[in-house]
PDB file of N, CA and C in Angstrom:
ATOM      1  N   MET A   1       0.823  -1.185   0.000  1.00  0.00           N
ATOM      2  CA  MET A   1       0.000   0.000   0.000  1.00  0.00           C
ATOM      3  C   MET A   1       0.873   1.258   0.000  1.00  0.00           C
ATOM      4  N   LEU A   2       1.859   1.319   0.904  1.00  0.00           N
ATOM      5  CA  LEU A   2       2.721   2.495   0.958  1.00  0.00           C
ATOM      6  C   LEU A   2       3.588   2.615  -0.290  1.00  0.00           C
ATOM      7  N   GLU A   3       3.970   1.467  -0.843  1.00  0.00           N
ATOM      8  CA  GLU A   3       4.773   1.491  -2.064  1.00  0.00           C
ATOM      9  C   GLU A   3       3.980   2.111  -3.216  1.00  0.00           C
ATOM     10  N   GLN A   4       2.715   1.724  -3.336  1.00  0.00           N
ATOM     11  CA  GLN A   4       1.860   2.280  -4.392  1.00  0.00           C
ATOM     12  C   GLN A   4       1.641   3.770  -4.179  1.00  0.00           C
ATOM     13  N   LEU A   5       1.417   4.182  -2.932  1.00  0.00           N
ATOM     14  CA  LEU A   5       1.251   5.601  -2.621  1.00  0.00           C
ATOM     15  C   LEU A   5       2.513   6.369  -2.982  1.00  0.00           C
ATOM     16  N   SER A   6       3.666   5.818  -2.638  1.00  0.00           N
ATOM     17  CA  SER A   6       4.937   6.471  -2.970  1.00  0.00           C
ATOM     18  C   SER A   6       5.101   6.626  -4.475  1.00  0.00           C
ATOM     19  N   GLN A   7       4.767   5.580  -5.218  1.00  0.00           N
ATOM     20  CA  GLN A   7       4.886   5.640  -6.673  1.00  0.00           C
ATOM     21  C   GLN A   7       3.943   6.680  -7.256  1.00  0.00           C
ATOM     22  N   ASN A   8       2.716   6.733  -6.751  1.00  0.00           N
ATOM     23  CA  ASN A   8       1.750   7.717  -7.248  1.00  0.00           C
ATOM     24  C   ASN A   8       2.213   9.138  -6.959  1.00  0.00           C
ATOM     25  N   LEU A   9       2.684   9.377  -5.740  1.00  0.00           N
ATOM     26  CA  LEU A   9       3.163  10.717  -5.386  1.00  0.00           C
ATOM     27  C   LEU A   9       4.396  11.091  -6.199  1.00  0.00           C
ATOM     28  N   GLU A  10       5.281  10.127  -6.407  1.00  0.00           N
ATOM     29  CA  GLU A  10       6.481  10.387  -7.200  1.00  0.00           C
ATOM     30  C   GLU A  10       6.114  10.777  -8.630  1.00  0.00           C
ATOM     31  N   GLY A  11       5.126  10.105  -9.210  1.00  0.00           N
ATOM     32  CA  GLY A  11       4.682  10.436 -10.564  1.00  0.00           C
ATOM     33  C   GLY A  11       4.132  11.844 -10.660  1.00  0.00           C
ATOM     34  N   VAL A  12       3.342  12.240  -9.673  1.00  0.00           N
ATOM     35  CA  VAL A  12       2.781  13.595  -9.656  1.00  0.00           C
ATOM     36  C   VAL A  12       3.897  14.622  -9.546  1.00  0.00           C
ATOM     37  N   LEU A  13       4.836  14.373  -8.661  1.00  0.00           N
ATOM     38  CA  LEU A  13       5.906  15.342  -8.434  1.00  0.00           C
ATOM     39  C   LEU A  13       6.859  15.434  -9.625  1.00  0.00           C
ATOM     40  N   LYS A  14       7.041  14.327 -10.348  1.00  0.00           N
ATOM     41  CA  LYS A  14       7.869  14.380 -11.558  1.00  0.00           C
ATOM     42  C   LYS A  14       7.255  15.324 -12.587  1.00  0.00           C
ATOM     43  N   LYS A  15       5.927  15.282 -12.696  1.00  0.00           N
ATOM     44  CA  LYS A  15       5.248  16.184 -13.632  1.00  0.00           C
ATOM     45  C   LYS A  15       5.467  17.638 -13.234  1.00  0.00           C
ATOM     46  N   LEU A  16       5.417  17.910 -11.940  1.00  0.00           N
ATOM     47  CA  LEU A  16       5.593  19.286 -11.469  1.00  0.00           C
ATOM     48  C   LEU A  16       7.013  19.786 -11.672  1.00  0.00           C
ATOM     49  N   ARG A  17       7.978  18.900 -11.530  1.00  0.00           N
ATOM     50  CA  ARG A  17       9.375  19.311 -11.672  1.00  0.00           C
ATOM     51  C   ARG A  17       9.683  19.790 -13.085  1.00  0.00           C
ATOM     52  N   GLY A  18       8.913  19.342 -14.040  1.00  0.00           N
ATOM     53  CA  GLY A  18       9.158  19.722 -15.423  1.00  0.00           C
ATOM     54  C   GLY A  18       8.761  21.146 -15.748  1.00  0.00           C
ATOM     55  N   HIS A  19       7.999  21.781 -14.877  1.00  0.00           N
ATOM     56  CA  HIS A  19       7.529  23.140 -15.134  1.00  0.00           C
ATOM     57  C   HIS A  19       8.524  24.157 -14.594  1.00  0.00           C
ATOM     58  N   GLY A  20       8.841  25.144 -15.416  1.00  0.00           N
ATOM     59  CA  GLY A  20       9.697  26.225 -14.955  1.00  0.00           C
ATOM     60  C   GLY A  20       8.948  27.175 -14.046  1.00  0.00           C
ATOM     61  N   ARG A  21       7.644  27.233 -14.235  1.00  0.00           N
ATOM     62  CA  ARG A  21       6.810  28.136 -13.441  1.00  0.00           C
ATOM     63  C   ARG A  21       5.497  27.424 -13.156  1.00  0.00           C
ATOM     64  N   LEU A  22       5.084  27.462 -11.921  1.00  0.00           N
ATOM     65  CA  LEU A  22       3.836  26.804 -11.555  1.00  0.00           C
ATOM     66  C   LEU A  22       2.698  27.805 -11.547  1.00  0.00           C
ATOM     67  N   THR A  23       1.573  27.364 -12.074  1.00  0.00           N
ATOM     68  CA  THR A  23       0.376  28.195 -12.061  1.00  0.00           C
ATOM     69  C   THR A  23      -0.635  27.560 -11.111  1.00  0.00           C
ATOM     70  N   GLU A  24      -1.695  28.279 -10.846  1.00  0.00           N
ATOM     71  CA  GLU A  24      -2.745  27.726  -9.992  1.00  0.00           C
ATOM     72  C   GLU A  24      -3.345  26.479 -10.634  1.00  0.00           C
ATOM     73  N   ALA A  25      -3.436  26.470 -11.957  1.00  0.00           N
ATOM     74  CA  ALA A  25      -3.974  25.300 -12.666  1.00  0.00           C
ATOM     75  C   ALA A  25      -3.058  24.090 -12.499  1.00  0.00           C
ATOM     76  N   ASN A  26      -1.720  24.299 -12.638  1.00  0.00           N
ATOM     77  CA  ASN A  26      -0.767  23.202 -12.439  1.00  0.00           C
ATOM     78  C   ASN A  26      -0.897  22.618 -11.037  1.00  0.00           C
ATOM     79  N   ILE A  27      -0.963  23.508 -10.057  1.00  0.00           N
ATOM     80  CA  ILE A  27      -1.042  23.075  -8.664  1.00  0.00           C
ATOM     81  C   ILE A  27      -2.344  22.322  -8.419  1.00  0.00           C
ATOM     82  N   SER A  28      -3.454  22.836  -8.935  1.00  0.00           N
ATOM     83  CA  SER A  28      -4.753  22.174  -8.744  1.00  0.00           C
ATOM     84  C   SER A  28      -4.771  20.791  -9.374  1.00  0.00           C
ATOM     85  N   ASP A  29      -4.224  20.668 -10.584  1.00  0.00           N
ATOM     86  CA  ASP A  29      -4.170  19.364 -11.251  1.00  0.00           C
ATOM     87  C   ASP A  29      -3.331  18.376 -10.449  1.00  0.00           C
ATOM     88  N   ALA A  30      -2.174  18.831  -9.995  1.00  0.00           N
ATOM     89  CA  ALA A  30      -1.282  17.955  -9.237  1.00  0.00           C
ATOM     90  C   ALA A  30      -1.923  17.535  -7.918  1.00  0.00           C
ATOM     91  N   LEU A  31      -2.554  18.473  -7.246  1.00  0.00           N
ATOM     92  CA  LEU A  31      -3.160  18.150  -5.954  1.00  0.00           C
ATOM     93  C   LEU A  31      -4.374  17.242  -6.105  1.00  0.00           C
ATOM     94  N   ARG A  32      -5.052  17.319  -7.230  1.00  0.00           N
ATOM     95  CA  ARG A  32      -6.155  16.391  -7.494  1.00  0.00           C
ATOM     96  C   ARG A  32      -5.607  14.961  -7.562  1.00  0.00           C
ATOM     97  N   GLU A  33      -4.463  14.801  -8.221  1.00  0.00           N
ATOM     98  CA  GLU A  33      -3.849  13.476  -8.313  1.00  0.00           C
ATOM     99  C   GLU A  33      -3.312  13.016  -6.963  1.00  0.00           C
ATOM    100  N   VAL A  34      -2.770  13.946  -6.177  1.00  0.00           N
ATOM    101  CA  VAL A  34      -2.292  13.599  -4.838  1.00  0.00           C
ATOM    102  C   VAL A  34      -3.467  13.139  -3.980  1.00  0.00           C
ATOM    103  N   ARG A  35      -4.586  13.856  -4.048  1.00  0.00           N
ATOM    104  CA  ARG A  35      -5.773  13.471  -3.281  1.00  0.00           C
ATOM    105  C   ARG A  35      -6.241  12.078  -3.698  1.00  0.00           C
ATOM    106  N   ARG A  36      -6.254  11.823  -4.989  1.00  0.00           N
ATOM    107  CA  ARG A  36      -6.666  10.503  -5.492  1.00  0.00           C
ATOM    108  C   ARG A  36      -5.725   9.412  -4.959  1.00  0.00           C
ATOM    109  N   ALA A  37      -4.421   9.691  -4.974  1.00  0.00           N
ATOM    110  CA  ALA A  37      -3.442   8.720  -4.471  1.00  0.00           C
ATOM    111  C   ALA A  37      -3.650   8.455  -2.982  1.00  0.00           C
ATOM    112  N   LEU A  38      -3.933   9.501  -2.222  1.00  0.00           N
ATOM    113  CA  LEU A  38      -4.176   9.325  -0.788  1.00  0.00           C
ATOM    114  C   LEU A  38      -5.431   8.494  -0.539  1.00  0.00           C
ATOM    115  N   LEU A  39      -6.485   8.773  -1.280  1.00  0.00           N
ATOM    116  CA  LEU A  39      -7.731   8.028  -1.097  1.00  0.00           C
ATOM    117  C   LEU A  39      -7.578   6.569  -1.515  1.00  0.00           C
ATOM    118  N   GLU A  40      -6.804   6.312  -2.568  1.00  0.00           N
ATOM    119  CA  GLU A  40      -6.550   4.932  -2.990  1.00  0.00           C
ATOM    120  C   GLU A  40      -5.746   4.178  -1.938  1.00  0.00           C
ATOM    121  N   ALA A  41      -4.974   4.922  -1.126  1.00  0.00           N
ATOM    122  CA  ALA A  41      -4.185   4.310  -0.054  1.00  0.00           C
ATOM    123  C   ALA A  41      -4.987   4.227   1.248  1.00  0.00           C
ATOM    124  N   ASP A  42      -6.300   4.395   1.151  1.00  0.00           N
ATOM    125  CA  ASP A  42      -7.216   4.290   2.289  1.00  0.00           C
ATOM    126  C   ASP A  42      -7.034   5.376   3.337  1.00  0.00           C
ATOM    127  N   VAL A  43      -6.546   6.536   2.927  1.00  0.00           N
ATOM    128  CA  VAL A  43      -6.491   7.674   3.844  1.00  0.00           C
ATOM    129  C   VAL A  43      -7.913   8.210   3.977  1.00  0.00           C
ATOM    130  N   ASN A  44      -8.302   8.557   5.181  1.00  0.00           N
ATOM    131  CA  ASN A  44      -9.629   9.092   5.453  1.00  0.00           C
ATOM    132  C   ASN A  44      -9.896  10.292   4.550  1.00  0.00           C
ATOM    133  N   TYR A  45     -11.131  10.382   4.025  1.00  0.00           N
ATOM    134  CA  TYR A  45     -11.482  11.458   3.094  1.00  0.00           C
ATOM    135  C   TYR A  45     -11.260  12.838   3.703  1.00  0.00           C
ATOM    136  N   GLN A  46     -11.702  13.032   4.938  1.00  0.00           N
ATOM    137  CA  GLN A  46     -11.561  14.335   5.598  1.00  0.00           C
ATOM    138  C   GLN A  46     -10.088  14.695   5.789  1.00  0.00           C
ATOM    139  N   VAL A  47      -9.274  13.716   6.157  1.00  0.00           N
ATOM    140  CA  VAL A  47      -7.837  13.947   6.340  1.00  0.00           C
ATOM    141  C   VAL A  47      -7.207  14.340   5.010  1.00  0.00           C
ATOM    142  N   ALA A  48      -7.547  13.610   3.942  1.00  0.00           N
ATOM    143  CA  ALA A  48      -7.003  13.923   2.616  1.00  0.00           C
ATOM    144  C   ALA A  48      -7.439  15.314   2.169  1.00  0.00           C
ATOM    145  N   ARG A  49      -8.708  15.645   2.392  1.00  0.00           N
ATOM    146  CA  ARG A  49      -9.226  16.954   1.988  1.00  0.00           C
ATOM    147  C   ARG A  49      -8.531  18.083   2.741  1.00  0.00           C
ATOM    148  N   ASP A  50      -8.371  17.926   4.050  1.00  0.00           N
ATOM    149  CA  ASP A  50      -7.698  18.950   4.847  1.00  0.00           C
ATOM    150  C   ASP A  50      -6.229  19.087   4.450  1.00  0.00           C
ATOM    151  N   PHE A  51      -5.582  17.950   4.175  1.00  0.00           N
ATOM    152  CA  PHE A  51      -4.183  17.963   3.756  1.00  0.00           C
ATOM    153  C   PHE A  51      -4.020  18.728   2.446  1.00  0.00           C
ATOM    154  N   ILE A  52      -4.874  18.421   1.471  1.00  0.00           N
ATOM    155  CA  ILE A  52      -4.808  19.084   0.167  1.00  0.00           C
ATOM    156  C   ILE A  52      -5.063  20.577   0.314  1.00  0.00           C
ATOM    157  N   ALA A  53      -6.016  20.951   1.147  1.00  0.00           N
ATOM    158  CA  ALA A  53      -6.310  22.372   1.366  1.00  0.00           C
ATOM    159  C   ALA A  53      -5.108  23.089   1.970  1.00  0.00           C
ATOM    160  N   ALA A  54      -4.439  22.451   2.927  1.00  0.00           N
ATOM    161  CA  ALA A  54      -3.265  23.067   3.557  1.00  0.00           C
ATOM    162  C   ALA A  54      -2.124  23.226   2.560  1.00  0.00           C
ATOM    163  N   VAL A  55      -1.895  22.199   1.740  1.00  0.00           N
ATOM    164  CA  VAL A  55      -0.824  22.277   0.736  1.00  0.00           C
ATOM    165  C   VAL A  55      -1.135  23.363  -0.286  1.00  0.00           C
ATOM    166  N   LYS A  56      -2.382  23.410  -0.746  1.00  0.00           N
ATOM    167  CA  LYS A  56      -2.762  24.402  -1.756  1.00  0.00           C
ATOM    168  C   LYS A  56      -2.611  25.815  -1.205  1.00  0.00           C
ATOM    169  N   GLU A  57      -3.031  26.024   0.029  1.00  0.00           N
ATOM    170  CA  GLU A  57      -2.918  27.349   0.646  1.00  0.00           C
ATOM    171  C   GLU A  57      -1.460  27.787   0.737  1.00  0.00           C
ATOM    172  N   ARG A  58      -0.602  26.874   1.165  1.00  0.00           N
ATOM    173  CA  ARG A  58       0.825  27.217   1.259  1.00  0.00           C
ATOM    174  C   ARG A  58       1.450  27.407  -0.114  1.00  0.00           C
ATOM    175  N   ALA A  59       1.086  26.542  -1.068  1.00  0.00           N
ATOM    176  CA  ALA A  59       1.690  26.610  -2.402  1.00  0.00           C
ATOM    177  C   ALA A  59       1.329  27.907  -3.111  1.00  0.00           C
ATOM    178  N   LEU A  60       0.093  28.349  -2.950  1.00  0.00           N
ATOM    179  CA  LEU A  60      -0.329  29.580  -3.612  1.00  0.00           C
ATOM    180  C   LEU A  60       0.138  30.814  -2.856  1.00  0.00           C
ATOM    181  N   GLY A  61       0.376  30.676  -1.556  1.00  0.00           N
ATOM    182  CA  GLY A  61       0.765  31.824  -0.748  1.00  0.00           C
ATOM    183  C   GLY A  61       2.261  32.047  -0.669  1.00  0.00           C
ATOM    184  N   ASP A  62       3.049  30.999  -0.860  1.00  0.00           N
ATOM    185  CA  ASP A  62       4.504  31.123  -0.745  1.00  0.00           C
ATOM    186  C   ASP A  62       5.102  31.769  -1.976  1.00  0.00           C
ATOM    187  N   THR A  63       6.128  32.555  -1.749  1.00  0.00           N
ATOM    188  CA  THR A  63       6.912  33.047  -2.874  1.00  0.00           C
ATOM    189  C   THR A  63       8.005  32.020  -3.133  1.00  0.00           C
ATOM    190  N   VAL A  64       8.284  31.762  -4.380  1.00  0.00           N
ATOM    191  CA  VAL A  64       9.282  30.764  -4.731  1.00  0.00           C
ATOM    192  C   VAL A  64      10.665  31.372  -4.548  1.00  0.00           C
ATOM    193  N   LEU A  65      11.505  30.656  -3.816  1.00  0.00           N
ATOM    194  CA  LEU A  65      12.866  31.125  -3.594  1.00  0.00           C
ATOM    195  C   LEU A  65      13.648  31.061  -4.898  1.00  0.00           C
ATOM    196  N   ARG A  66      14.577  31.960  -5.068  1.00  0.00           N
ATOM    197  CA  ARG A  66      15.348  31.991  -6.315  1.00  0.00           C
ATOM    198  C   ARG A  66      16.280  30.796  -6.457  1.00  0.00           C
ATOM    199  N   SER A  67      16.681  30.210  -5.338  1.00  0.00           N
ATOM    200  CA  SER A  67      17.664  29.131  -5.383  1.00  0.00           C
ATOM    201  C   SER A  67      17.061  27.772  -5.748  1.00  0.00           C
ATOM    202  N   ILE A  68      15.733  27.653  -5.749  1.00  0.00           N
ATOM    203  CA  ILE A  68      15.101  26.378  -6.088  1.00  0.00           C
ATOM    204  C   ILE A  68      14.015  26.600  -7.130  1.00  0.00           C
ATOM    205  N   THR A  69      13.654  25.510  -7.793  1.00  0.00           N
ATOM    206  CA  THR A  69      12.609  25.596  -8.811  1.00  0.00           C
ATOM    207  C   THR A  69      11.239  25.528  -8.141  1.00  0.00           C
ATOM    208  N   PRO A  70      10.201  25.963  -8.829  1.00  0.00           N
ATOM    209  CA  PRO A  70       8.850  25.852  -8.267  1.00  0.00           C
ATOM    210  C   PRO A  70       8.465  24.407  -7.946  1.00  0.00           C
ATOM    211  N   GLY A  71       8.917  23.467  -8.766  1.00  0.00           N
ATOM    212  CA  GLY A  71       8.628  22.059  -8.500  1.00  0.00           C
ATOM    213  C   GLY A  71       9.238  21.593  -7.194  1.00  0.00           C
ATOM    214  N   GLN A  72      10.476  22.029  -6.935  1.00  0.00           N
ATOM    215  CA  GLN A  72      11.127  21.680  -5.676  1.00  0.00           C
ATOM    216  C   GLN A  72      10.393  22.309  -4.494  1.00  0.00           C
ATOM    217  N   GLN A  73       9.865  23.508  -4.717  1.00  0.00           N
ATOM    218  CA  GLN A  73       9.128  24.197  -3.655  1.00  0.00           C
ATOM    219  C   GLN A  73       7.871  23.409  -3.267  1.00  0.00           C
ATOM    220  N   ILE A  74       7.138  22.915  -4.250  1.00  0.00           N
ATOM    221  CA  ILE A  74       5.912  22.169  -3.948  1.00  0.00           C
ATOM    222  C   ILE A  74       6.243  20.837  -3.287  1.00  0.00           C
ATOM    223  N   VAL A  75       7.349  20.214  -3.692  1.00  0.00           N
ATOM    224  CA  VAL A  75       7.788  18.975  -3.046  1.00  0.00           C
ATOM    225  C   VAL A  75       8.061  19.238  -1.565  1.00  0.00           C
ATOM    226  N   LYS A  76       8.728  20.336  -1.276  1.00  0.00           N
ATOM    227  CA  LYS A  76       9.035  20.700   0.113  1.00  0.00           C
ATOM    228  C   LYS A  76       7.755  20.967   0.903  1.00  0.00           C
ATOM    229  N   ILE A  77       6.811  21.654   0.299  1.00  0.00           N
ATOM    230  CA  ILE A  77       5.542  21.940   0.979  1.00  0.00           C
ATOM    231  C   ILE A  77       4.809  20.639   1.299  1.00  0.00           C
ATOM    232  N   ILE A  78       4.750  19.721   0.330  1.00  0.00           N
ATOM    233  CA  ILE A  78       4.073  18.443   0.552  1.00  0.00           C
ATOM    234  C   ILE A  78       4.783  17.653   1.646  1.00  0.00           C
ATOM    235  N   GLN A  79       6.112  17.645   1.615  1.00  0.00           N
ATOM    236  CA  GLN A  79       6.872  16.939   2.649  1.00  0.00           C
ATOM    237  C   GLN A  79       6.588  17.529   4.032  1.00  0.00           C
ATOM    238  N   ASP A  80       6.603  18.845   4.140  1.00  0.00           N
ATOM    239  CA  ASP A  80       6.335  19.503   5.426  1.00  0.00           C
ATOM    240  C   ASP A  80       4.934  19.192   5.936  1.00  0.00           C
ATOM    241  N   GLU A  81       3.952  19.239   5.044  1.00  0.00           N
ATOM    242  CA  GLU A  81       2.572  18.984   5.455  1.00  0.00           C
ATOM    243  C   GLU A  81       2.358  17.513   5.829  1.00  0.00           C
ATOM    244  N   LEU A  82       3.011  16.583   5.114  1.00  0.00           N
ATOM    245  CA  LEU A  82       2.916  15.171   5.489  1.00  0.00           C
ATOM    246  C   LEU A  82       3.542  14.934   6.859  1.00  0.00           C
ATOM    247  N   THR A  83       4.684  15.573   7.105  1.00  0.00           N
ATOM    248  CA  THR A  83       5.338  15.453   8.409  1.00  0.00           C
ATOM    249  C   THR A  83       4.425  15.970   9.507  1.00  0.00           C
ATOM    250  N   GLN A  84       3.798  17.111   9.265  1.00  0.00           N
ATOM    251  CA  GLN A  84       2.877  17.688  10.245  1.00  0.00           C
ATOM    252  C   GLN A  84       1.667  16.778  10.458  1.00  0.00           C
ATOM    253  N   LEU A  85       1.148  16.221   9.373  1.00  0.00           N
ATOM    254  CA  LEU A  85      -0.010  15.335   9.450  1.00  0.00           C
ATOM    255  C   LEU A  85       0.295  14.083  10.271  1.00  0.00           C
ATOM    256  N   LEU A  86       1.520  13.592  10.141  1.00  0.00           N
ATOM    257  CA  LEU A  86       1.907  12.366  10.840  1.00  0.00           C
ATOM    258  C   LEU A  86       2.389  12.615  12.263  1.00  0.00           C
ATOM    259  N   GLY A  87       2.305  13.850  12.728  1.00  0.00           N
ATOM    260  CA  GLY A  87       2.634  14.101  14.126  1.00  0.00           C
ATOM    261  C   GLY A  87       3.726  15.115  14.351  1.00  0.00           C
ATOM    262  N   GLY A  88       4.230  15.720  13.324  1.00  0.00           N
ATOM    263  CA  GLY A  88       5.246  16.753  13.502  1.00  0.00           C
ATOM    264  C   GLY A  88       6.610  16.174  13.815  1.00  0.00           C
ATOM    265  N   ASP A  89       7.314  16.855  14.691  1.00  0.00           N
ATOM    266  CA  ASP A  89       8.675  16.446  15.043  1.00  0.00           C
ATOM    267  C   ASP A  89       8.676  15.096  15.754  1.00  0.00           C
ATOM    268  N   ALA A  90       9.763  14.360  15.555  1.00  0.00           N
ATOM    269  CA  ALA A  90       9.907  13.054  16.194  1.00  0.00           C
ATOM    270  C   ALA A  90      10.041  13.225  17.703  1.00  0.00           C
ATOM    271  N   LYS A  91       9.425  12.331  18.414  1.00  0.00           N
ATOM    272  CA  LYS A  91       9.508  12.342  19.871  1.00  0.00           C
ATOM    273  C   LYS A  91      10.237  11.078  20.310  1.00  0.00           C
ATOM    274  N   PRO A  92      11.143  11.194  21.268  1.00  0.00           N
ATOM    275  CA  PRO A  92      11.892  10.004  21.699  1.00  0.00           C
ATOM    276  C   PRO A  92      10.976   9.002  22.410  1.00  0.00           C
ATOM    277  N   LEU A  93      11.287   7.732  22.241  1.00  0.00           N
ATOM    278  CA  LEU A  93      10.533   6.679  22.912  1.00  0.00           C
ATOM    279  C   LEU A  93      10.967   6.592  24.368  1.00  0.00           C
ATOM    280  N   ASN A  94      10.016   6.404  25.248  1.00  0.00           N
ATOM    281  CA  ASN A  94      10.323   6.197  26.656  1.00  0.00           C
ATOM    282  C   ASN A  94      10.417   4.697  26.886  1.00  0.00           C
ATOM    283  N   LEU A  95      11.628   4.187  26.943  1.00  0.00           N
ATOM    284  CA  LEU A  95      11.849   2.755  27.102  1.00  0.00           C
ATOM    285  C   LEU A  95      12.315   2.421  28.515  1.00  0.00           C
ATOM    286  N   SER A  96      11.996   3.271  29.482  1.00  0.00           N
ATOM    287  CA  SER A  96      12.471   3.056  30.847  1.00  0.00           C
ATOM    288  C   SER A  96      11.765   1.882  31.523  1.00  0.00           C
ATOM    289  N   GLY A  97      10.531   1.617  31.142  1.00  0.00           N
ATOM    290  CA  GLY A  97       9.813   0.483  31.718  1.00  0.00           C
ATOM    291  C   GLY A  97      10.317  -0.826  31.150  1.00  0.00           C
ATOM    292  N   SER A  98      10.184  -1.890  31.934  1.00  0.00           N
ATOM    293  CA  SER A  98      10.655  -3.173  31.445  1.00  0.00           C
ATOM    294  C   SER A  98       9.516  -4.175  31.559  1.00  0.00           C
ATOM    295  N   PRO A  99       9.128  -4.870  30.586  1.00  0.00           N
ATOM    296  CA  PRO A  99       9.565  -4.748  29.195  1.00  0.00           C
ATOM    297  C   PRO A  99       8.894  -3.561  28.511  1.00  0.00           C
ATOM    298  N   ALA A 100       9.547  -3.054  27.479  1.00  0.00           N
ATOM    299  CA  ALA A 100       8.973  -1.958  26.695  1.00  0.00           C
ATOM    300  C   ALA A 100       7.819  -2.512  25.867  1.00  0.00           C
ATOM    301  N   ILE A 101       6.698  -1.831  25.904  1.00  0.00           N
ATOM    302  CA  ILE A 101       5.520  -2.279  25.157  1.00  0.00           C
ATOM    303  C   ILE A 101       5.243  -1.270  24.055  1.00  0.00           C
ATOM    304  N   ILE A 102       5.229  -1.753  22.831  1.00  0.00           N
ATOM    305  CA  ILE A 102       4.969  -0.902  21.670  1.00  0.00           C
ATOM    306  C   ILE A 102       3.818  -1.525  20.891  1.00  0.00           C
ATOM    307  N   MET A 103       2.797  -0.729  20.634  1.00  0.00           N
ATOM    308  CA  MET A 103       1.635  -1.223  19.896  1.00  0.00           C
ATOM    309  C   MET A 103       1.722  -0.746  18.449  1.00  0.00           C
ATOM    310  N   LEU A 104       1.632  -1.681  17.521  1.00  0.00           N
ATOM    311  CA  LEU A 104       1.635  -1.362  16.101  1.00  0.00           C
ATOM    312  C   LEU A 104       0.222  -1.522  15.568  1.00  0.00           C
ATOM    313  N   VAL A 105      -0.228  -0.527  14.838  1.00  0.00           N
ATOM    314  CA  VAL A 105      -1.574  -0.554  14.285  1.00  0.00           C
ATOM    315  C   VAL A 105      -1.469  -0.341  12.783  1.00  0.00           C
ATOM    316  N   GLY A 106      -2.203  -1.117  12.016  1.00  0.00           N
ATOM    317  CA  GLY A 106      -2.192  -0.933  10.572  1.00  0.00           C
ATOM    318  C   GLY A 106      -3.129  -1.907   9.895  1.00  0.00           C
ATOM    319  N   LEU A 107      -3.401  -1.620   8.650  1.00  0.00           N
ATOM    320  CA  LEU A 107      -4.268  -2.481   7.858  1.00  0.00           C
ATOM    321  C   LEU A 107      -3.549  -3.766   7.500  1.00  0.00           C
ATOM    322  N   GLN A 108      -4.325  -4.747   7.049  1.00  0.00           N
ATOM    323  CA  GLN A 108      -3.740  -6.013   6.627  1.00  0.00           C
ATOM    324  C   GLN A 108      -2.771  -5.764   5.482  1.00  0.00           C
ATOM    325  N   GLY A 109      -1.591  -6.376   5.593  1.00  0.00           N
ATOM    326  CA  GLY A 109      -0.603  -6.256   4.531  1.00  0.00           C
ATOM    327  C   GLY A 109       0.198  -4.975   4.571  1.00  0.00           C
ATOM    328  N   SER A 110       0.108  -4.222   5.665  1.00  0.00           N
ATOM    329  CA  SER A 110       0.835  -2.950   5.721  1.00  0.00           C
ATOM    330  C   SER A 110       2.229  -3.082   6.313  1.00  0.00           C
ATOM    331  N   GLY A 111       2.651  -4.302   6.687  1.00  0.00           N
ATOM    332  CA  GLY A 111       4.022  -4.513   7.131  1.00  0.00           C
ATOM    333  C   GLY A 111       4.236  -4.452   8.629  1.00  0.00           C
ATOM    334  N   LYS A 112       3.223  -4.698   9.416  1.00  0.00           N
ATOM    335  CA  LYS A 112       3.375  -4.643  10.875  1.00  0.00           C
ATOM    336  C   LYS A 112       4.326  -5.723  11.376  1.00  0.00           C
ATOM    337  N   THR A 113       4.289  -6.897  10.793  1.00  0.00           N
ATOM    338  CA  THR A 113       5.115  -8.002  11.264  1.00  0.00           C
ATOM    339  C   THR A 113       6.589  -7.761  10.963  1.00  0.00           C
ATOM    340  N   THR A 114       6.876  -7.215   9.817  1.00  0.00           N
ATOM    341  CA  THR A 114       8.267  -6.997   9.437  1.00  0.00           C
ATOM    342  C   THR A 114       8.719  -5.675   9.966  1.00  0.00           C
TER     343      THR A 114
END
């Protein structure tokens, strides 16, 4: 599931990298495909919708830095928003208790065992 999501997102971002300048239409088309990829990966509809709205707001509001291309800028925005969606900054595990108990949750075939 994650492999397919990664491939779908990579395909969308490759299309964006080819543009020297991004327009609102380019961004909307790309984000439509990102939303579709998220929904195909069983991401909750509301979560996908909120994520796309946040990315679109940042993408249209940010000025593109001169040192990077617009495609790289959108990749960075998507990466930042995914990081935020998944919980933000990493937090250290508290392994002081013995034995350490870690609960893994995921859909069938998502790699919990490995």
